[in-house]
Amino acid sequence: MTDMDIESFWGPYETTISSYDELVDCINKVFRKWNSKNKLFAWRGQINASWPLHSSLYRRLLWTKGDLLDERDLYKKEGAILAEVHRWGLHMSPSLGRLSILNQLAALQHYGAPTRMIDVTFNPWIGVWFAVEPKRENGEPVYENIDARLFAIDVTNRLINESQDYREWEDAYKRPWIGDPDKNASKNERDAYKTWCAKVFAWKPPHFDSRIAAQNGGFIFGGVPLSTGPEGPNQWPKGPEGKGYWKIDEVRAAISVSLRPHKLDVQRGGVSQDAVYTFRIRANAKQEIRERLQKQFGYKHSTIYPDFTGFSQFGTPDIRTSPQENI
């Protein structure tokens, strides 16, 4: 596995935030730059700025195999998981009947099973809350002294709910994305595979549970990045000024979907599609931002996770979850 420093992948493009006012200014810049173009952004907050942007399936397979993965690995394991869901009878719902593949994956994601889906929100302030939310382990605060990260991900024309080309994916009973084509595959199949691994797709699922509604939630997903796309080589520059390119294994160490970081600069020209902006939130700003989010929007664990699963995770934060070693 590569010894890739994840922060070096994002660092040249990130904007640093040290206060709530700076945060407001940065979010406003995103909308000021793109409102006239009707751009749609998905937002994701991570409480540790050094974490990669990986799906849970990619991350857990990486931990299991100890080596970086490609789309063939992910597709194969995803198929095995969905087959097991079928054996357990979980592909059927008493109230909804047979679940589409996307609804199966959404349910699996909700309950903590590994999938290729990456949780996002279409509300930037909720994305911020996820970046700064208080976490505890065994009753003690964690991540308080670690910088967080917020992503703004361009999903314009990639929201399958609103796309004539991809709307049918929502109701498909088989995976609508193609696996690694064999040597006998047609050119159309090979191009579809390259597109799958070169683009990012988004889905805003129905509000089948209270958490998705409360979080204005959705998912992004796509194939593991390839070095060659449908229009030629795929490259990830090491910085906005052009200082070489990351190798594909280095890219996969940082992201499991084909996103390209860009520097947020309202004075410069636009990015055509699939850009991601990243903001580093300083650890010493977390408390202030949390307090402002609660006062202005009412965001706290009970409103963001309004279900029994959320209560089991966050409702008794002062109680240890395992015994102390010296007892």
C-alpha atoms as a PDB file:
ATOM      1  CA  MET A   1       0.000   0.000   0.000  1.00  0.00           C
ATOM      2  CA  THR A   2       1.302   3.461  -0.842  1.00  0.00           C
ATOM      3  CA  ASP A   3       2.534   5.708   1.977  1.00  0.00           C
ATOM      4  CA  MET A   4       0.564   8.581   0.503  1.00  0.00           C
ATOM      5  CA  ASP A   5       0.182  11.632   2.761  1.00  0.00           C
ATOM      6  CA  ILE A   6      -3.508  12.432   2.302  1.00  0.00           C
ATOM      7  CA  GLU A   7      -3.116  16.039   3.409  1.00  0.00           C
ATOM      8  CA  SER A   8      -0.612  16.646   0.623  1.00  0.00           C
ATOM      9  CA  PHE A   9      -3.314  15.680  -1.877  1.00  0.00           C
ATOM     10  CA  TRP A  10      -5.782  18.300  -0.573  1.00  0.00           C
ATOM     11  CA  GLY A  11      -3.357  20.862   0.840  1.00  0.00           C
ATOM     12  CA  PRO A  12      -2.512  22.844  -2.332  1.00  0.00           C
ATOM     13  CA  TYR A  13      -6.220  23.398  -2.995  1.00  0.00           C
ATOM     14  CA  GLU A  14      -7.667  23.904   0.470  1.00  0.00           C
ATOM     15  CA  THR A  15      -8.926  27.104   2.069  1.00  0.00           C
ATOM     16  CA  THR A  16      -8.271  27.411   5.798  1.00  0.00           C
ATOM     17  CA  ILE A  17     -11.087  28.454   8.122  1.00  0.00           C
ATOM     18  CA  SER A  18     -10.332  29.759  11.612  1.00  0.00           C
ATOM     19  CA  SER A  19     -13.695  31.226  12.664  1.00  0.00           C
ATOM     20  CA  TYR A  20     -17.410  31.111  11.998  1.00  0.00           C
ATOM     21  CA  ASP A  21     -17.261  34.373  10.059  1.00  0.00           C
ATOM     22  CA  GLU A  22     -14.580  32.958   7.754  1.00  0.00           C
ATOM     23  CA  LEU A  23     -16.747  29.880   7.274  1.00  0.00           C
ATOM     24  CA  VAL A  24     -19.731  31.990   6.234  1.00  0.00           C
ATOM     25  CA  ASP A  25     -17.543  33.912   3.795  1.00  0.00           C
ATOM     26  CA  CYS A  26     -16.227  30.712   2.171  1.00  0.00           C
ATOM     27  CA  ILE A  27     -19.666  29.163   1.717  1.00  0.00           C
ATOM     28  CA  ASN A  28     -20.940  32.423   0.273  1.00  0.00           C
ATOM     29  CA  LYS A  29     -18.024  32.431  -2.178  1.00  0.00           C
ATOM     30  CA  VAL A  30     -19.058  29.030  -3.524  1.00  0.00           C
ATOM     31  CA  PHE A  31     -22.579  30.261  -4.217  1.00  0.00           C
ATOM     32  CA  ARG A  32     -21.450  33.668  -5.457  1.00  0.00           C
ATOM     33  CA  LYS A  33     -19.160  31.999  -7.974  1.00  0.00           C
ATOM     34  CA  TRP A  34     -21.674  29.454  -9.265  1.00  0.00           C
ATOM     35  CA  ASN A  35     -25.241  30.671  -8.689  1.00  0.00           C
ATOM     36  CA  SER A  36     -25.479  32.191 -12.160  1.00  0.00           C
ATOM     37  CA  LYS A  37     -24.509  28.816 -13.666  1.00  0.00           C
ATOM     38  CA  ASN A  38     -27.135  26.906 -11.653  1.00  0.00           C
ATOM     39  CA  LYS A  39     -24.492  24.622 -10.211  1.00  0.00           C
ATOM     40  CA  LEU A  40     -25.589  22.008  -7.683  1.00  0.00           C
ATOM     41  CA  PHE A  41     -23.274  21.100  -4.809  1.00  0.00           C
ATOM     42  CA  ALA A  42     -23.254  18.216  -2.376  1.00  0.00           C
ATOM     43  CA  TRP A  43     -21.464  18.786   0.929  1.00  0.00           C
ATOM     44  CA  ARG A  44     -19.527  16.429   3.165  1.00  0.00           C
ATOM     45  CA  GLY A  45     -17.903  17.118   6.507  1.00  0.00           C
ATOM     46  CA  GLN A  46     -15.171  14.945   8.037  1.00  0.00           C
ATOM     47  CA  ILE A  47     -13.965  15.486  11.592  1.00  0.00           C
ATOM     48  CA  ASN A  48     -10.359  14.699  10.688  1.00  0.00           C
ATOM     49  CA  ALA A  49      -8.715  16.680   7.873  1.00  0.00           C
ATOM     50  CA  SER A  50      -6.183  13.909   7.240  1.00  0.00           C
ATOM     51  CA  TRP A  51      -8.769  11.261   6.360  1.00  0.00           C
ATOM     52  CA  PRO A  52      -9.177  10.188   2.715  1.00  0.00           C
ATOM     53  CA  LEU A  53     -12.505  10.560   0.944  1.00  0.00           C
ATOM     54  CA  HIS A  54     -13.317   6.865   0.705  1.00  0.00           C
ATOM     55  CA  SER A  55     -16.556   4.918   0.705  1.00  0.00           C
ATOM     56  CA  SER A  56     -16.991   2.505   3.609  1.00  0.00           C
ATOM     57  CA  LEU A  57     -16.649  -0.484   1.274  1.00  0.00           C
ATOM     58  CA  TYR A  58     -13.409   0.793  -0.228  1.00  0.00           C
ATOM     59  CA  ARG A  59     -12.030   1.658   3.215  1.00  0.00           C
ATOM     60  CA  ARG A  60     -12.876  -1.667   4.813  1.00  0.00           C
ATOM     61  CA  LEU A  61     -11.604  -3.699   1.862  1.00  0.00           C
ATOM     62  CA  LEU A  62      -8.397  -1.680   2.054  1.00  0.00           C
ATOM     63  CA  TRP A  63      -8.057  -2.556   5.737  1.00  0.00           C
ATOM     64  CA  THR A  64      -8.821  -6.204   4.961  1.00  0.00           C
ATOM     65  CA  LYS A  65      -6.491  -6.672   1.981  1.00  0.00           C
ATOM     66  CA  GLY A  66      -3.806  -4.211   3.047  1.00  0.00           C
ATOM     67  CA  ASP A  67      -3.420  -2.998  -0.523  1.00  0.00           C
ATOM     68  CA  LEU A  68      -5.056  -0.429  -2.778  1.00  0.00           C
ATOM     69  CA  LEU A  69      -8.023  -1.548  -4.843  1.00  0.00           C
ATOM     70  CA  ASP A  70      -9.376  -1.005  -8.315  1.00  0.00           C
ATOM     71  CA  GLU A  71     -12.957  -1.128  -9.577  1.00  0.00           C
ATOM     72  CA  ARG A  72     -12.773  -4.869 -10.236  1.00  0.00           C
ATOM     73  CA  ASP A  73     -12.170  -5.529  -6.530  1.00  0.00           C
ATOM     74  CA  LEU A  74     -14.985  -3.234  -5.460  1.00  0.00           C
ATOM     75  CA  TYR A  75     -17.483  -4.544  -8.019  1.00  0.00           C
ATOM     76  CA  LYS A  76     -16.804  -8.163  -7.107  1.00  0.00           C
ATOM     77  CA  LYS A  77     -17.223  -7.622  -3.364  1.00  0.00           C
ATOM     78  CA  GLU A  78     -20.286  -5.438  -3.858  1.00  0.00           C
ATOM     79  CA  GLY A  79     -21.893  -8.254  -5.852  1.00  0.00           C
ATOM     80  CA  ALA A  80     -21.115 -10.755  -3.093  1.00  0.00           C
ATOM     81  CA  ILE A  81     -22.669  -8.465  -0.464  1.00  0.00           C
ATOM     82  CA  LEU A  82     -25.834  -7.955  -2.509  1.00  0.00           C
ATOM     83  CA  ALA A  83     -26.119 -11.708  -3.065  1.00  0.00           C
ATOM     84  CA  GLU A  84     -25.894 -12.242   0.690  1.00  0.00           C
ATOM     85  CA  VAL A  85     -28.574  -9.582   1.248  1.00  0.00           C
ATOM     86  CA  HIS A  86     -30.790 -11.640  -1.075  1.00  0.00           C
ATOM     87  CA  ARG A  87     -30.041 -14.859   0.853  1.00  0.00           C
ATOM     88  CA  TRP A  88     -31.064 -13.121   4.081  1.00  0.00           C
ATOM     89  CA  GLY A  89     -34.300 -12.002   2.439  1.00  0.00           C
ATOM     90  CA  LEU A  90     -33.487  -8.348   3.023  1.00  0.00           C
ATOM     91  CA  HIS A  91     -34.108  -7.372  -0.591  1.00  0.00           C
ATOM     92  CA  MET A  92     -37.840  -7.463   0.184  1.00  0.00           C
ATOM     93  CA  SER A  93     -39.698  -4.946   2.325  1.00  0.00           C
ATOM     94  CA  PRO A  94     -43.070  -5.784   3.950  1.00  0.00           C
ATOM     95  CA  SER A  95     -44.412  -2.356   3.002  1.00  0.00           C
ATOM     96  CA  LEU A  96     -42.513  -1.566  -0.220  1.00  0.00           C
ATOM     97  CA  GLY A  97     -42.095  -4.964  -1.842  1.00  0.00           C
ATOM     98  CA  ARG A  98     -38.868  -5.725  -3.653  1.00  0.00           C
ATOM     99  CA  LEU A  99     -36.245  -3.027  -3.132  1.00  0.00           C
ATOM    100  CA  SER A 100     -34.204  -1.604  -5.969  1.00  0.00           C
ATOM    101  CA  ILE A 101     -30.444  -2.013  -5.813  1.00  0.00           C
ATOM    102  CA  LEU A 102     -30.014   1.620  -4.788  1.00  0.00           C
ATOM    103  CA  ASN A 103     -32.574   1.274  -2.011  1.00  0.00           C
ATOM    104  CA  GLN A 104     -30.834  -1.861  -0.797  1.00  0.00           C
ATOM    105  CA  LEU A 105     -27.527  -0.006  -0.721  1.00  0.00           C
ATOM    106  CA  ALA A 106     -29.111   2.974   1.052  1.00  0.00           C
ATOM    107  CA  ALA A 107     -30.530   0.687   3.745  1.00  0.00           C
ATOM    108  CA  LEU A 108     -27.199  -1.093   4.152  1.00  0.00           C
ATOM    109  CA  GLN A 109     -25.425   2.257   4.456  1.00  0.00           C
ATOM    110  CA  HIS A 110     -27.936   3.473   7.046  1.00  0.00           C
ATOM    111  CA  TYR A 111     -27.293   0.488   9.293  1.00  0.00           C
ATOM    112  CA  GLY A 112     -23.512   0.557   8.955  1.00  0.00           C
ATOM    113  CA  ALA A 113     -22.836  -2.156   6.371  1.00  0.00           C
ATOM    114  CA  PRO A 114     -20.061  -1.390   3.843  1.00  0.00           C
ATOM    115  CA  THR A 115     -21.198   0.044   0.491  1.00  0.00           C
ATOM    116  CA  ARG A 116     -19.716   2.165  -2.299  1.00  0.00           C
ATOM    117  CA  MET A 117     -22.102   5.002  -1.369  1.00  0.00           C
ATOM    118  CA  ILE A 118     -20.597   8.098   0.279  1.00  0.00           C
ATOM    119  CA  ASP A 119     -22.927  10.095   2.547  1.00  0.00           C
ATOM    120  CA  VAL A 120     -23.425  13.741   1.625  1.00  0.00           C
ATOM    121  CA  THR A 121     -25.944  16.476   2.348  1.00  0.00           C
ATOM    122  CA  PHE A 122     -27.365  19.098   0.051  1.00  0.00           C
ATOM    123  CA  ASN A 123     -27.345  21.629   2.912  1.00  0.00           C
ATOM    124  CA  PRO A 124     -23.902  23.219   3.430  1.00  0.00           C
ATOM    125  CA  TRP A 125     -24.559  23.994   7.097  1.00  0.00           C
ATOM    126  CA  ILE A 126     -25.345  20.377   7.881  1.00  0.00           C
ATOM    127  CA  GLY A 127     -22.129  19.443   6.083  1.00  0.00           C
ATOM    128  CA  VAL A 128     -20.324  21.841   8.420  1.00  0.00           C
ATOM    129  CA  TRP A 129     -22.005  20.271  11.427  1.00  0.00           C
ATOM    130  CA  PHE A 130     -20.705  16.839  10.472  1.00  0.00           C
ATOM    131  CA  ALA A 131     -17.196  18.316  10.280  1.00  0.00           C
ATOM    132  CA  VAL A 132     -17.330  19.800  13.781  1.00  0.00           C
ATOM    133  CA  GLU A 133     -19.813  17.553  15.630  1.00  0.00           C
ATOM    134  CA  PRO A 134     -18.738  16.457  19.118  1.00  0.00           C
ATOM    135  CA  LYS A 135     -17.552  12.858  19.296  1.00  0.00           C
ATOM    136  CA  ARG A 136     -16.837  10.762  22.375  1.00  0.00           C
ATOM    137  CA  GLU A 137     -15.203   7.410  23.004  1.00  0.00           C
ATOM    138  CA  ASN A 138     -15.708   5.800  26.391  1.00  0.00           C
ATOM    139  CA  GLY A 139     -17.175   9.047  27.649  1.00  0.00           C
ATOM    140  CA  GLU A 140     -14.179  11.157  26.646  1.00  0.00           C
ATOM    141  CA  PRO A 141     -14.104  13.787  23.866  1.00  0.00           C
ATOM    142  CA  VAL A 142     -12.108  12.823  20.759  1.00  0.00           C
ATOM    143  CA  TYR A 143     -10.953  14.746  17.680  1.00  0.00           C
ATOM    144  CA  GLU A 144     -11.319  18.077  19.487  1.00  0.00           C
ATOM    145  CA  ASN A 145      -7.675  18.985  18.878  1.00  0.00           C
ATOM    146  CA  ILE A 146      -7.639  17.845  15.243  1.00  0.00           C
ATOM    147  CA  ASP A 147      -8.483  19.993  12.219  1.00  0.00           C
ATOM    148  CA  ALA A 148     -11.640  19.047  10.300  1.00  0.00           C
ATOM    149  CA  ARG A 149     -12.431  19.155   6.596  1.00  0.00           C
ATOM    150  CA  LEU A 150     -15.455  20.270   4.578  1.00  0.00           C
ATOM    151  CA  PHE A 151     -15.980  19.323   0.927  1.00  0.00           C
ATOM    152  CA  ALA A 152     -18.165  21.111  -1.635  1.00  0.00           C
ATOM    153  CA  ILE A 153     -18.700  18.659  -4.505  1.00  0.00           C
ATOM    154  CA  ASP A 154     -20.083  19.721  -7.863  1.00  0.00           C
ATOM    155  CA  VAL A 155     -22.819  17.257  -8.853  1.00  0.00           C
ATOM    156  CA  THR A 156     -24.422  19.394 -11.555  1.00  0.00           C
ATOM    157  CA  ASN A 157     -26.076  17.149 -14.171  1.00  0.00           C
ATOM    158  CA  ARG A 158     -25.042  14.145 -12.066  1.00  0.00           C
ATOM    159  CA  LEU A 159     -28.108  13.904  -9.841  1.00  0.00           C
ATOM    160  CA  ILE A 160     -29.740  10.771 -11.198  1.00  0.00           C
ATOM    161  CA  ASN A 161     -33.191  11.815  -9.935  1.00  0.00           C
ATOM    162  CA  GLU A 162     -33.225  14.633 -12.473  1.00  0.00           C
ATOM    163  CA  SER A 163     -31.346  13.045 -15.369  1.00  0.00           C
ATOM    164  CA  GLN A 164     -33.080  11.488 -18.358  1.00  0.00           C
ATOM    165  CA  ASP A 165     -29.996   9.343 -18.918  1.00  0.00           C
ATOM    166  CA  TYR A 166     -29.794   7.963 -15.374  1.00  0.00           C
ATOM    167  CA  ARG A 167     -33.237   8.320 -13.769  1.00  0.00           C
ATOM    168  CA  GLU A 168     -34.021   4.641 -14.346  1.00  0.00           C
ATOM    169  CA  TRP A 169     -31.120   3.704 -12.065  1.00  0.00           C
ATOM    170  CA  GLU A 170     -33.257   4.539  -9.032  1.00  0.00           C
ATOM    171  CA  ASP A 171     -35.676   1.667  -9.727  1.00  0.00           C
ATOM    172  CA  ALA A 172     -33.266  -0.891 -11.219  1.00  0.00           C
ATOM    173  CA  TYR A 173     -33.250  -4.379  -9.668  1.00  0.00           C
ATOM    174  CA  LYS A 174     -29.780  -5.074 -11.075  1.00  0.00           C
ATOM    175  CA  ARG A 175     -26.730  -2.899 -10.759  1.00  0.00           C
ATOM    176  CA  PRO A 176     -26.946  -0.332 -13.561  1.00  0.00           C
ATOM    177  CA  TRP A 177     -23.202   0.296 -13.551  1.00  0.00           C
ATOM    178  CA  ILE A 178     -21.070  -2.018 -15.625  1.00  0.00           C
ATOM    179  CA  GLY A 179     -18.358  -4.310 -14.317  1.00  0.00           C
ATOM    180  CA  ASP A 180     -14.871  -4.527 -15.786  1.00  0.00           C
ATOM    181  CA  PRO A 181     -15.427  -5.456 -19.465  1.00  0.00           C
ATOM    182  CA  ASP A 182     -13.731  -8.571 -20.766  1.00  0.00           C
ATOM    183  CA  LYS A 183     -11.747  -8.774 -24.014  1.00  0.00           C
ATOM    184  CA  ASN A 184     -14.913  -9.511 -26.007  1.00  0.00           C
ATOM    185  CA  ALA A 185     -16.762  -6.420 -24.771  1.00  0.00           C
ATOM    186  CA  SER A 186     -18.054  -3.913 -27.298  1.00  0.00           C
ATOM    187  CA  LYS A 187     -16.677  -0.409 -27.631  1.00  0.00           C
ATOM    188  CA  ASN A 188     -19.873   0.952 -26.051  1.00  0.00           C
ATOM    189  CA  GLU A 189     -19.395  -1.290 -23.021  1.00  0.00           C
ATOM    190  CA  ARG A 190     -15.750  -0.272 -22.648  1.00  0.00           C
ATOM    191  CA  ASP A 191     -16.661   3.412 -22.951  1.00  0.00           C
ATOM    192  CA  ALA A 192     -19.475   3.009 -20.397  1.00  0.00           C
ATOM    193  CA  TYR A 193     -17.017   1.454 -17.971  1.00  0.00           C
ATOM    194  CA  LYS A 194     -14.531   4.289 -18.460  1.00  0.00           C
ATOM    195  CA  THR A 195     -17.285   6.845 -17.917  1.00  0.00           C
ATOM    196  CA  TRP A 196     -18.372   5.049 -14.736  1.00  0.00           C
ATOM    197  CA  CYS A 197     -14.799   5.282 -13.408  1.00  0.00           C
ATOM    198  CA  ALA A 198     -14.252   8.866 -14.583  1.00  0.00           C
ATOM    199  CA  LYS A 199     -17.448  10.532 -13.331  1.00  0.00           C
ATOM    200  CA  VAL A 200     -19.255  10.989 -10.040  1.00  0.00           C
ATOM    201  CA  PHE A 201     -22.976  10.403  -9.675  1.00  0.00           C
ATOM    202  CA  ALA A 202     -25.335  11.662  -6.982  1.00  0.00           C
ATOM    203  CA  TRP A 203     -28.636  10.393  -5.638  1.00  0.00           C
ATOM    204  CA  LYS A 204     -31.136  12.055  -3.372  1.00  0.00           C
ATOM    205  CA  PRO A 205     -33.214   9.126  -2.084  1.00  0.00           C
ATOM    206  CA  PRO A 206     -36.830   9.300  -0.959  1.00  0.00           C
ATOM    207  CA  HIS A 207     -37.265  10.283   2.684  1.00  0.00           C
ATOM    208  CA  PHE A 208     -37.966   6.722   3.787  1.00  0.00           C
ATOM    209  CA  ASP A 209     -36.618   7.463   7.247  1.00  0.00           C
ATOM    210  CA  SER A 210     -36.483  10.536   9.441  1.00  0.00           C
ATOM    211  CA  ARG A 211     -32.703  10.793   9.358  1.00  0.00           C
ATOM    212  CA  ILE A 212     -32.453  11.369   5.608  1.00  0.00           C
ATOM    213  CA  ALA A 213     -35.095  14.091   5.871  1.00  0.00           C
ATOM    214  CA  ALA A 214     -33.424  15.754   8.871  1.00  0.00           C
ATOM    215  CA  GLN A 215     -30.025  15.752   7.180  1.00  0.00           C
ATOM    216  CA  ASN A 216     -31.248  16.692   3.686  1.00  0.00           C
ATOM    217  CA  GLY A 217     -29.173  13.672   2.883  1.00  0.00           C
ATOM    218  CA  GLY A 218     -28.023  11.900  -0.224  1.00  0.00           C
ATOM    219  CA  PHE A 219     -25.135   9.936  -1.669  1.00  0.00           C
ATOM    220  CA  ILE A 220     -22.381  10.270  -4.193  1.00  0.00           C
ATOM    221  CA  PHE A 221     -20.982   7.190  -5.883  1.00  0.00           C
ATOM    222  CA  GLY A 222     -19.031   6.043  -8.910  1.00  0.00           C
ATOM    223  CA  GLY A 223     -16.290   3.711 -10.045  1.00  0.00           C
ATOM    224  CA  VAL A 224     -12.800   3.664  -8.582  1.00  0.00           C
ATOM    225  CA  PRO A 225     -10.677   6.212 -10.506  1.00  0.00           C
ATOM    226  CA  LEU A 226      -8.972   5.022 -13.697  1.00  0.00           C
ATOM    227  CA  SER A 227      -5.906   6.505 -15.331  1.00  0.00           C
ATOM    228  CA  THR A 228      -7.713   6.533 -18.680  1.00  0.00           C
ATOM    229  CA  GLY A 229     -11.162   8.027 -19.203  1.00  0.00           C
ATOM    230  CA  PRO A 230     -13.597   8.072 -22.143  1.00  0.00           C
ATOM    231  CA  GLU A 231     -11.902  11.163 -23.570  1.00  0.00           C
ATOM    232  CA  GLY A 232      -8.279  10.232 -22.932  1.00  0.00           C
ATOM    233  CA  PRO A 233      -5.908  10.132 -19.944  1.00  0.00           C
ATOM    234  CA  ASN A 234      -7.256  11.029 -16.498  1.00  0.00           C
ATOM    235  CA  GLN A 235      -4.792  13.171 -14.568  1.00  0.00           C
ATOM    236  CA  TRP A 236      -4.785  14.740 -11.117  1.00  0.00           C
ATOM    237  CA  PRO A 237      -2.366  17.711 -10.853  1.00  0.00           C
ATOM    238  CA  LYS A 238      -0.377  18.084  -7.642  1.00  0.00           C
ATOM    239  CA  GLY A 239      -1.395  21.720  -7.367  1.00  0.00           C
ATOM    240  CA  PRO A 240      -3.273  24.518  -9.115  1.00  0.00           C
ATOM    241  CA  GLU A 241      -0.037  25.858 -10.581  1.00  0.00           C
ATOM    242  CA  GLY A 242       0.891  22.560 -12.249  1.00  0.00           C
ATOM    243  CA  LYS A 243       3.685  20.763 -10.388  1.00  0.00           C
ATOM    244  CA  GLY A 244       3.378  17.326 -11.867  1.00  0.00           C
ATOM    245  CA  TYR A 245       0.675  14.713 -11.468  1.00  0.00           C
ATOM    246  CA  TRP A 246      -0.281  12.146  -8.864  1.00  0.00           C
ATOM    247  CA  LYS A 247       0.134   8.479  -9.784  1.00  0.00           C
ATOM    248  CA  ILE A 248      -3.130   6.552  -9.949  1.00  0.00           C
ATOM    249  CA  ASP A 249      -2.357   4.589  -6.760  1.00  0.00           C
ATOM    250  CA  GLU A 250      -1.744   7.889  -4.959  1.00  0.00           C
ATOM    251  CA  VAL A 251      -5.082   9.181  -6.232  1.00  0.00           C
ATOM    252  CA  ARG A 252      -6.878   6.054  -5.003  1.00  0.00           C
ATOM    253  CA  ALA A 253      -5.224   6.413  -1.600  1.00  0.00           C
ATOM    254  CA  ALA A 254      -6.933   9.802  -1.268  1.00  0.00           C
ATOM    255  CA  ILE A 255     -10.274   9.275  -3.064  1.00  0.00           C
ATOM    256  CA  SER A 256     -12.372   6.281  -4.081  1.00  0.00           C
ATOM    257  CA  VAL A 257     -14.424   8.206  -6.663  1.00  0.00           C
ATOM    258  CA  SER A 258     -13.211  10.345  -9.533  1.00  0.00           C
ATOM    259  CA  LEU A 259     -13.245  13.834  -7.990  1.00  0.00           C
ATOM    260  CA  ARG A 260     -10.739  16.544  -8.887  1.00  0.00           C
ATOM    261  CA  PRO A 261      -9.769  19.154  -6.300  1.00  0.00           C
ATOM    262  CA  HIS A 262      -9.770  22.790  -7.369  1.00  0.00           C
ATOM    263  CA  LYS A 263      -8.844  25.995  -5.593  1.00  0.00           C
ATOM    264  CA  LEU A 264     -11.793  28.244  -4.787  1.00  0.00           C
ATOM    265  CA  ASP A 265     -11.059  31.570  -6.446  1.00  0.00           C
ATOM    266  CA  VAL A 266     -13.996  33.778  -7.401  1.00  0.00           C
ATOM    267  CA  GLN A 267     -11.783  35.835  -9.712  1.00  0.00           C
ATOM    268  CA  ARG A 268     -10.623  32.959 -11.892  1.00  0.00           C
ATOM    269  CA  GLY A 269     -12.432  31.053 -14.602  1.00  0.00           C
ATOM    270  CA  GLY A 270     -14.804  28.201 -14.054  1.00  0.00           C
ATOM    271  CA  VAL A 271     -14.415  24.453 -13.816  1.00  0.00           C
ATOM    272  CA  SER A 272     -16.447  22.481 -16.317  1.00  0.00           C
ATOM    273  CA  GLN A 273     -17.642  19.575 -14.163  1.00  0.00           C
ATOM    274  CA  ASP A 274     -16.917  17.238 -11.252  1.00  0.00           C
ATOM    275  CA  ALA A 275     -14.845  19.713  -9.230  1.00  0.00           C
ATOM    276  CA  VAL A 276     -14.469  19.509  -5.479  1.00  0.00           C
ATOM    277  CA  TYR A 277     -13.519  22.405  -3.217  1.00  0.00           C
ATOM    278  CA  THR A 278     -12.084  21.678   0.194  1.00  0.00           C
ATOM    279  CA  PHE A 279     -11.960  23.722   3.375  1.00  0.00           C
ATOM    280  CA  ARG A 280      -9.772  22.993   6.362  1.00  0.00           C
ATOM    281  CA  ILE A 281     -11.505  23.938   9.623  1.00  0.00           C
ATOM    282  CA  ARG A 282      -9.045  24.648  12.416  1.00  0.00           C
ATOM    283  CA  ALA A 283      -9.537  22.686  15.620  1.00  0.00           C
ATOM    284  CA  ASN A 284      -9.743  25.833  17.725  1.00  0.00           C
ATOM    285  CA  ALA A 285     -12.741  27.017  15.663  1.00  0.00           C
ATOM    286  CA  LYS A 286     -14.874  23.899  16.193  1.00  0.00           C
ATOM    287  CA  GLN A 287     -16.493  24.964  19.463  1.00  0.00           C
ATOM    288  CA  GLU A 288     -17.493  28.395  18.195  1.00  0.00           C
ATOM    289  CA  ILE A 289     -18.912  26.952  14.980  1.00  0.00           C
ATOM    290  CA  ARG A 290     -20.896  24.288  16.868  1.00  0.00           C
ATOM    291  CA  GLU A 291     -22.404  26.891  19.178  1.00  0.00           C
ATOM    292  CA  ARG A 292     -23.418  29.129  16.283  1.00  0.00           C
ATOM    293  CA  LEU A 293     -24.953  26.221  14.361  1.00  0.00           C
ATOM    294  CA  GLN A 294     -27.028  25.230  17.373  1.00  0.00           C
ATOM    295  CA  LYS A 295     -28.193  28.782  18.078  1.00  0.00           C
ATOM    296  CA  GLN A 296     -29.013  29.643  14.463  1.00  0.00           C
ATOM    297  CA  PHE A 297     -30.275  26.322  13.106  1.00  0.00           C
ATOM    298  CA  GLY A 298     -30.919  24.137  16.147  1.00  0.00           C
ATOM    299  CA  TYR A 299     -28.379  21.551  15.022  1.00  0.00           C
ATOM    300  CA  LYS A 300     -27.426  18.991  17.650  1.00  0.00           C
ATOM    301  CA  HIS A 301     -27.318  15.202  17.818  1.00  0.00           C
ATOM    302  CA  SER A 302     -31.019  14.885  18.635  1.00  0.00           C
ATOM    303  CA  THR A 303     -32.075  16.881  15.553  1.00  0.00           C
ATOM    304  CA  ILE A 304     -29.498  15.472  13.126  1.00  0.00           C
ATOM    305  CA  TYR A 305     -29.979  11.821  14.194  1.00  0.00           C
ATOM    306  CA  PRO A 306     -33.697  11.730  15.181  1.00  0.00           C
ATOM    307  CA  ASP A 307     -34.056   7.959  15.603  1.00  0.00           C
ATOM    308  CA  PHE A 308     -33.254   5.153  18.037  1.00  0.00           C
ATOM    309  CA  THR A 309     -30.044   4.337  16.177  1.00  0.00           C
ATOM    310  CA  GLY A 310     -28.932   7.931  16.687  1.00  0.00           C
ATOM    311  CA  PHE A 311     -29.853   7.829  20.371  1.00  0.00           C
ATOM    312  CA  SER A 312     -27.882   4.609  20.842  1.00  0.00           C
ATOM    313  CA  GLN A 313     -24.847   6.359  19.379  1.00  0.00           C
ATOM    314  CA  PHE A 314     -25.121   9.785  20.972  1.00  0.00           C
ATOM    315  CA  GLY A 315     -27.822   9.789  23.656  1.00  0.00           C
ATOM    316  CA  THR A 316     -25.585   8.760  26.571  1.00  0.00           C
ATOM    317  CA  PRO A 317     -22.233  10.379  25.725  1.00  0.00           C
ATOM    318  CA  ASP A 318     -20.866  10.371  29.298  1.00  0.00           C
ATOM    319  CA  ILE A 319     -21.138   6.594  29.803  1.00  0.00           C
ATOM    320  CA  ARG A 320     -18.201   4.384  28.900  1.00  0.00           C
ATOM    321  CA  THR A 321     -18.666   1.700  26.262  1.00  0.00           C
ATOM    322  CA  SER A 322     -15.927  -0.602  27.602  1.00  0.00           C
ATOM    323  CA  PRO A 323     -14.304  -1.167  31.009  1.00  0.00           C
ATOM    324  CA  GLN A 324     -11.234   0.714  32.093  1.00  0.00           C
ATOM    325  CA  GLU A 325      -8.127  -1.425  31.733  1.00  0.00           C
ATOM    326  CA  ASN A 326      -6.964  -0.941  35.321  1.00  0.00           C
ATOM    327  CA  ILE A 327     -10.206  -2.249  36.845  1.00  0.00           C
END
